[in-house]
Amino acid sequence: MDIATYTLNVPVDDQNLLETLIKKFGWIAKKQKETKSCRLDEALRAAEEEKLFETNDLDVLMKSLTD
């Protein structure tokens, strides 16, 4: 049997329906742990939202990295 793997974002209200379908069709479901975003992910998001700034002051830079 060929198997395909999918990742779904299911609203909490529909979780019971999904579990019913999983049991009915004999599917296998594994809930993934939510991952924390790392600093790189946050930086990429900031770049997309144009929230970056330029500075020549090392103290300002270090403070912005720890906040």
PDB file of N, CA and C in Angstrom:
ATOM      1  N   MET A   1       0.848  -1.176   0.000  1.00  0.00           N
ATOM      2  CA  MET A   1       0.000   0.000   0.000  1.00  0.00           C
ATOM      3  C   MET A   1       0.894   1.240   0.000  1.00  0.00           C
ATOM      4  N   ASP A   2       0.597   2.179  -0.886  1.00  0.00           N
ATOM      5  CA  ASP A   2       1.311   3.445  -0.910  1.00  0.00           C
ATOM      6  C   ASP A   2       0.749   4.360   0.171  1.00  0.00           C
ATOM      7  N   ILE A   3       1.636   5.120   0.801  1.00  0.00           N
ATOM      8  CA  ILE A   3       1.222   6.013   1.881  1.00  0.00           C
ATOM      9  C   ILE A   3       1.681   7.425   1.554  1.00  0.00           C
ATOM     10  N   ALA A   4       0.809   8.399   1.793  1.00  0.00           N
ATOM     11  CA  ALA A   4       1.142   9.815   1.640  1.00  0.00           C
ATOM     12  C   ALA A   4       1.053  10.471   3.013  1.00  0.00           C
ATOM     13  N   THR A   5       1.926  11.414   3.251  1.00  0.00           N
ATOM     14  CA  THR A   5       1.942  12.124   4.531  1.00  0.00           C
ATOM     15  C   THR A   5       1.474  13.555   4.308  1.00  0.00           C
ATOM     16  N   TYR A   6       0.557  14.008   5.163  1.00  0.00           N
ATOM     17  CA  TYR A   6       0.008  15.357   5.078  1.00  0.00           C
ATOM     18  C   TYR A   6       0.165  16.057   6.413  1.00  0.00           C
ATOM     19  N   THR A   7       0.274  17.359   6.365  1.00  0.00           N
ATOM     20  CA  THR A   7       0.256  18.175   7.564  1.00  0.00           C
ATOM     21  C   THR A   7      -0.978  19.062   7.474  1.00  0.00           C
ATOM     22  N   LEU A   8      -1.831  19.007   8.484  1.00  0.00           N
ATOM     23  CA  LEU A   8      -3.074  19.777   8.491  1.00  0.00           C
ATOM     24  C   LEU A   8      -3.098  20.722   9.673  1.00  0.00           C
ATOM     25  N   ASN A   9      -3.637  21.902   9.457  1.00  0.00           N
ATOM     26  CA  ASN A   9      -3.932  22.827  10.548  1.00  0.00           C
ATOM     27  C   ASN A   9      -5.430  22.734  10.788  1.00  0.00           C
ATOM     28  N   VAL A  10      -5.792  22.078  11.883  1.00  0.00           N
ATOM     29  CA  VAL A  10      -7.203  21.799  12.171  1.00  0.00           C
ATOM     30  C   VAL A  10      -7.660  22.687  13.320  1.00  0.00           C
ATOM     31  N   PRO A  11      -8.775  23.407  13.135  1.00  0.00           N
ATOM     32  CA  PRO A  11      -9.313  24.192  14.245  1.00  0.00           C
ATOM     33  C   PRO A  11      -9.670  23.279  15.416  1.00  0.00           C
ATOM     34  N   VAL A  12      -9.504  23.770  16.609  1.00  0.00           N
ATOM     35  CA  VAL A  12      -9.776  22.976  17.813  1.00  0.00           C
ATOM     36  C   VAL A  12     -11.223  22.485  17.810  1.00  0.00           C
ATOM     37  N   ASP A  13     -12.144  23.298  17.304  1.00  0.00           N
ATOM     38  CA  ASP A  13     -13.555  22.901  17.279  1.00  0.00           C
ATOM     39  C   ASP A  13     -13.800  21.682  16.389  1.00  0.00           C
ATOM     40  N   ASP A  14     -12.951  21.453  15.392  1.00  0.00           N
ATOM     41  CA  ASP A  14     -13.130  20.336  14.464  1.00  0.00           C
ATOM     42  C   ASP A  14     -12.285  19.121  14.827  1.00  0.00           C
ATOM     43  N   GLN A  15     -11.618  19.163  15.950  1.00  0.00           N
ATOM     44  CA  GLN A  15     -10.717  18.087  16.334  1.00  0.00           C
ATOM     45  C   GLN A  15     -11.460  16.762  16.528  1.00  0.00           C
ATOM     46  N   ASN A  16     -12.647  16.803  17.114  1.00  0.00           N
ATOM     47  CA  ASN A  16     -13.421  15.569  17.317  1.00  0.00           C
ATOM     48  C   ASN A  16     -13.821  14.949  15.982  1.00  0.00           C
ATOM     49  N   LEU A  17     -14.207  15.766  15.019  1.00  0.00           N
ATOM     50  CA  LEU A  17     -14.562  15.266  13.696  1.00  0.00           C
ATOM     51  C   LEU A  17     -13.356  14.596  13.040  1.00  0.00           C
ATOM     52  N   LEU A  18     -12.197  15.221  13.135  1.00  0.00           N
ATOM     53  CA  LEU A  18     -10.990  14.638  12.558  1.00  0.00           C
ATOM     54  C   LEU A  18     -10.665  13.299  13.209  1.00  0.00           C
ATOM     55  N   GLU A  19     -10.743  13.222  14.526  1.00  0.00           N
ATOM     56  CA  GLU A  19     -10.461  11.968  15.229  1.00  0.00           C
ATOM     57  C   GLU A  19     -11.445  10.875  14.826  1.00  0.00           C
ATOM     58  N   THR A  20     -12.707  11.231  14.596  1.00  0.00           N
ATOM     59  CA  THR A  20     -13.703  10.263  14.141  1.00  0.00           C
ATOM     60  C   THR A  20     -13.343   9.727  12.759  1.00  0.00           C
ATOM     61  N   LEU A  21     -12.942  10.617  11.853  1.00  0.00           N
ATOM     62  CA  LEU A  21     -12.546  10.197  10.508  1.00  0.00           C
ATOM     63  C   LEU A  21     -11.312   9.303  10.551  1.00  0.00           C
ATOM     64  N   ILE A  22     -10.375   9.643  11.409  1.00  0.00           N
ATOM     65  CA  ILE A  22      -9.151   8.849  11.536  1.00  0.00           C
ATOM     66  C   ILE A  22      -9.486   7.420  11.954  1.00  0.00           C
ATOM     67  N   LYS A  23     -10.350   7.290  12.954  1.00  0.00           N
ATOM     68  CA  LYS A  23     -10.742   5.950  13.415  1.00  0.00           C
ATOM     69  C   LYS A  23     -11.531   5.204  12.349  1.00  0.00           C
ATOM     70  N   LYS A  24     -12.451   5.896  11.678  1.00  0.00           N
ATOM     71  CA  LYS A  24     -13.322   5.251  10.695  1.00  0.00           C
ATOM     72  C   LYS A  24     -12.528   4.690   9.513  1.00  0.00           C
ATOM     73  N   PHE A  25     -11.540   5.437   9.042  1.00  0.00           N
ATOM     74  CA  PHE A  25     -10.787   5.016   7.869  1.00  0.00           C
ATOM     75  C   PHE A  25      -9.502   4.265   8.209  1.00  0.00           C
ATOM     76  N   GLY A  26      -9.182   4.133   9.481  1.00  0.00           N
ATOM     77  CA  GLY A  26      -7.994   3.396   9.882  1.00  0.00           C
ATOM     78  C   GLY A  26      -6.695   4.146   9.604  1.00  0.00           C
ATOM     79  N   TRP A  27      -6.788   5.459   9.575  1.00  0.00           N
ATOM     80  CA  TRP A  27      -5.601   6.275   9.332  1.00  0.00           C
ATOM     81  C   TRP A  27      -4.744   6.328  10.587  1.00  0.00           C
ATOM     82  N   ILE A  28      -3.531   6.791  10.426  1.00  0.00           N
ATOM     83  CA  ILE A  28      -2.625   6.998  11.552  1.00  0.00           C
ATOM     84  C   ILE A  28      -2.374   8.491  11.676  1.00  0.00           C
ATOM     85  N   ALA A  29      -2.576   9.025  12.861  1.00  0.00           N
ATOM     86  CA  ALA A  29      -2.372  10.455  13.084  1.00  0.00           C
ATOM     87  C   ALA A  29      -1.393  10.653  14.225  1.00  0.00           C
ATOM     88  N   LYS A  30      -0.481  11.580  14.039  1.00  0.00           N
ATOM     89  CA  LYS A  30       0.467  11.958  15.082  1.00  0.00           C
ATOM     90  C   LYS A  30       0.404  13.464  15.244  1.00  0.00           C
ATOM     91  N   LYS A  31       0.147  13.897  16.454  1.00  0.00           N
ATOM     92  CA  LYS A  31       0.086  15.330  16.722  1.00  0.00           C
ATOM     93  C   LYS A  31       1.505  15.845  16.915  1.00  0.00           C
ATOM     94  N   GLN A  32       1.848  16.879  16.161  1.00  0.00           N
ATOM     95  CA  GLN A  32       3.184  17.456  16.275  1.00  0.00           C
ATOM     96  C   GLN A  32       3.205  18.483  17.389  1.00  0.00           C
ATOM     97  N   LYS A  33       4.322  18.523  18.078  1.00  0.00           N
ATOM     98  CA  LYS A  33       4.495  19.540  19.100  1.00  0.00           C
ATOM     99  C   LYS A  33       4.679  20.882  18.413  1.00  0.00           C
ATOM    100  N   GLU A  34       4.117  21.898  19.025  1.00  0.00           N
ATOM    101  CA  GLU A  34       4.305  23.237  18.471  1.00  0.00           C
ATOM    102  C   GLU A  34       5.734  23.664  18.730  1.00  0.00           C
ATOM    103  N   THR A  35       6.369  24.169  17.708  1.00  0.00           N
ATOM    104  CA  THR A  35       7.752  24.577  17.840  1.00  0.00           C
ATOM    105  C   THR A  35       7.832  26.062  18.164  1.00  0.00           C
ATOM    106  N   LYS A  36       8.759  26.379  19.026  1.00  0.00           N
ATOM    107  CA  LYS A  36       9.009  27.776  19.322  1.00  0.00           C
ATOM    108  C   LYS A  36       9.774  28.385  18.159  1.00  0.00           C
ATOM    109  N   SER A  37       9.490  29.627  17.879  1.00  0.00           N
ATOM    110  CA  SER A  37      10.236  30.268  16.803  1.00  0.00           C
ATOM    111  C   SER A  37      11.604  30.680  17.343  1.00  0.00           C
ATOM    112  N   CYS A  38      12.614  30.489  16.537  1.00  0.00           N
ATOM    113  CA  CYS A  38      13.960  30.866  16.939  1.00  0.00           C
ATOM    114  C   CYS A  38      14.220  32.309  16.506  1.00  0.00           C
ATOM    115  N   ARG A  39      15.338  32.830  16.892  1.00  0.00           N
ATOM    116  CA  ARG A  39      15.684  34.225  16.570  1.00  0.00           C
ATOM    117  C   ARG A  39      15.743  34.452  15.060  1.00  0.00           C
ATOM    118  N   LEU A  40      16.215  33.451  14.322  1.00  0.00           N
ATOM    119  CA  LEU A  40      16.294  33.592  12.870  1.00  0.00           C
ATOM    120  C   LEU A  40      14.894  33.707  12.267  1.00  0.00           C
ATOM    121  N   ASP A  41      13.952  32.887  12.748  1.00  0.00           N
ATOM    122  CA  ASP A  41      12.573  32.983  12.271  1.00  0.00           C
ATOM    123  C   ASP A  41      11.989  34.358  12.583  1.00  0.00           C
ATOM    124  N   GLU A  42      12.274  34.855  13.774  1.00  0.00           N
ATOM    125  CA  GLU A  42      11.782  36.176  14.161  1.00  0.00           C
ATOM    126  C   GLU A  42      12.401  37.270  13.292  1.00  0.00           C
ATOM    127  N   ALA A  43      13.674  37.125  12.955  1.00  0.00           N
ATOM    128  CA  ALA A  43      14.342  38.104  12.103  1.00  0.00           C
ATOM    129  C   ALA A  43      13.752  38.094  10.696  1.00  0.00           C
ATOM    130  N   LEU A  44      13.488  36.900  10.169  1.00  0.00           N
ATOM    131  CA  LEU A  44      12.879  36.815   8.847  1.00  0.00           C
ATOM    132  C   LEU A  44      11.488  37.427   8.833  1.00  0.00           C
ATOM    133  N   ARG A  45      10.727  37.189   9.887  1.00  0.00           N
ATOM    134  CA  ARG A  45       9.387  37.775   9.997  1.00  0.00           C
ATOM    135  C   ARG A  45       9.479  39.295  10.095  1.00  0.00           C
ATOM    136  N   ALA A  46      10.459  39.796  10.859  1.00  0.00           N
ATOM    137  CA  ALA A  46      10.654  41.242  10.989  1.00  0.00           C
ATOM    138  C   ALA A  46      11.035  41.857   9.643  1.00  0.00           C
ATOM    139  N   ALA A  47      11.856  41.148   8.871  1.00  0.00           N
ATOM    140  CA  ALA A  47      12.242  41.643   7.549  1.00  0.00           C
ATOM    141  C   ALA A  47      11.020  41.717   6.634  1.00  0.00           C
ATOM    142  N   GLU A  48      10.155  40.714   6.706  1.00  0.00           N
ATOM    143  CA  GLU A  48       8.942  40.723   5.887  1.00  0.00           C
ATOM    144  C   GLU A  48       8.013  41.863   6.281  1.00  0.00           C
ATOM    145  N   GLU A  49       7.982  42.188   7.564  1.00  0.00           N
ATOM    146  CA  GLU A  49       7.103  43.243   8.064  1.00  0.00           C
ATOM    147  C   GLU A  49       7.805  44.598   8.098  1.00  0.00           C
ATOM    148  N   GLU A  50       9.015  44.653   7.562  1.00  0.00           N
ATOM    149  CA  GLU A  50       9.815  45.882   7.486  1.00  0.00           C
ATOM    150  C   GLU A  50       9.982  46.537   8.856  1.00  0.00           C
ATOM    151  N   LYS A  51      10.314  45.736   9.862  1.00  0.00           N
ATOM    152  CA  LYS A  51      10.534  46.240  11.207  1.00  0.00           C
ATOM    153  C   LYS A  51      12.017  46.251  11.579  1.00  0.00           C
ATOM    154  N   LEU A  52      12.884  46.220  10.587  1.00  0.00           N
ATOM    155  CA  LEU A  52      14.319  46.243  10.838  1.00  0.00           C
ATOM    156  C   LEU A  52      14.803  47.682  10.931  1.00  0.00           C
ATOM    157  N   PHE A  53      15.924  47.860  11.607  1.00  0.00           N
ATOM    158  CA  PHE A  53      16.482  49.204  11.714  1.00  0.00           C
ATOM    159  C   PHE A  53      17.991  49.132  11.568  1.00  0.00           C
ATOM    160  N   GLU A  54      18.576  50.243  11.203  1.00  0.00           N
ATOM    161  CA  GLU A  54      20.023  50.328  11.037  1.00  0.00           C
ATOM    162  C   GLU A  54      20.603  51.078  12.228  1.00  0.00           C
ATOM    163  N   THR A  55      21.740  50.603  12.736  1.00  0.00           N
ATOM    164  CA  THR A  55      22.389  51.267  13.859  1.00  0.00           C
ATOM    165  C   THR A  55      23.897  51.084  13.772  1.00  0.00           C
ATOM    166  N   ASN A  56      24.614  52.071  14.282  1.00  0.00           N
ATOM    167  CA  ASN A  56      26.068  51.991  14.388  1.00  0.00           C
ATOM    168  C   ASN A  56      26.488  51.855  15.846  1.00  0.00           C
ATOM    169  N   ASP A  57      25.522  51.752  16.740  1.00  0.00           N
ATOM    170  CA  ASP A  57      25.778  51.678  18.176  1.00  0.00           C
ATOM    171  C   ASP A  57      25.660  50.227  18.630  1.00  0.00           C
ATOM    172  N   LEU A  58      26.755  49.639  19.097  1.00  0.00           N
ATOM    173  CA  LEU A  58      26.769  48.242  19.520  1.00  0.00           C
ATOM    174  C   LEU A  58      25.835  48.004  20.706  1.00  0.00           C
ATOM    175  N   ASP A  59      25.742  48.956  21.630  1.00  0.00           N
ATOM    176  CA  ASP A  59      24.853  48.803  22.781  1.00  0.00           C
ATOM    177  C   ASP A  59      23.391  48.720  22.350  1.00  0.00           C
ATOM    178  N   VAL A  60      22.995  49.534  21.398  1.00  0.00           N
ATOM    179  CA  VAL A  60      21.619  49.507  20.895  1.00  0.00           C
ATOM    180  C   VAL A  60      21.358  48.170  20.196  1.00  0.00           C
ATOM    181  N   LEU A  61      22.321  47.714  19.430  1.00  0.00           N
ATOM    182  CA  LEU A  61      22.173  46.433  18.744  1.00  0.00           C
ATOM    183  C   LEU A  61      22.015  45.289  19.732  1.00  0.00           C
ATOM    184  N   MET A  62      22.868  45.233  20.741  1.00  0.00           N
ATOM    185  CA  MET A  62      22.811  44.152  21.731  1.00  0.00           C
ATOM    186  C   MET A  62      21.514  44.199  22.528  1.00  0.00           C
ATOM    187  N   LYS A  63      21.040  45.400  22.852  1.00  0.00           N
ATOM    188  CA  LYS A  63      19.771  45.524  23.575  1.00  0.00           C
ATOM    189  C   LYS A  63      18.624  45.026  22.709  1.00  0.00           C
ATOM    190  N   SER A  64      18.637  45.329  21.421  1.00  0.00           N
ATOM    191  CA  SER A  64      17.561  44.895  20.546  1.00  0.00           C
ATOM    192  C   SER A  64      17.547  43.374  20.376  1.00  0.00           C
ATOM    193  N   LEU A  65      18.705  42.743  20.469  1.00  0.00           N
ATOM    194  CA  LEU A  65      18.790  41.288  20.332  1.00  0.00           C
ATOM    195  C   LEU A  65      18.285  40.561  21.572  1.00  0.00           C
ATOM    196  N   THR A  66      18.375  41.187  22.723  1.00  0.00           N
ATOM    197  CA  THR A  66      17.941  40.536  23.963  1.00  0.00           C
ATOM    198  C   THR A  66      16.502  40.840  24.323  1.00  0.00           C
ATOM    199  N   ASP A  67      15.893  41.825  23.696  1.00  0.00           N
ATOM    200  CA  ASP A  67      14.494  42.179  23.997  1.00  0.00           C
ATOM    201  C   ASP A  67      13.537  41.285  23.281  1.00  0.00           C
TER     202      ASP A  67
END
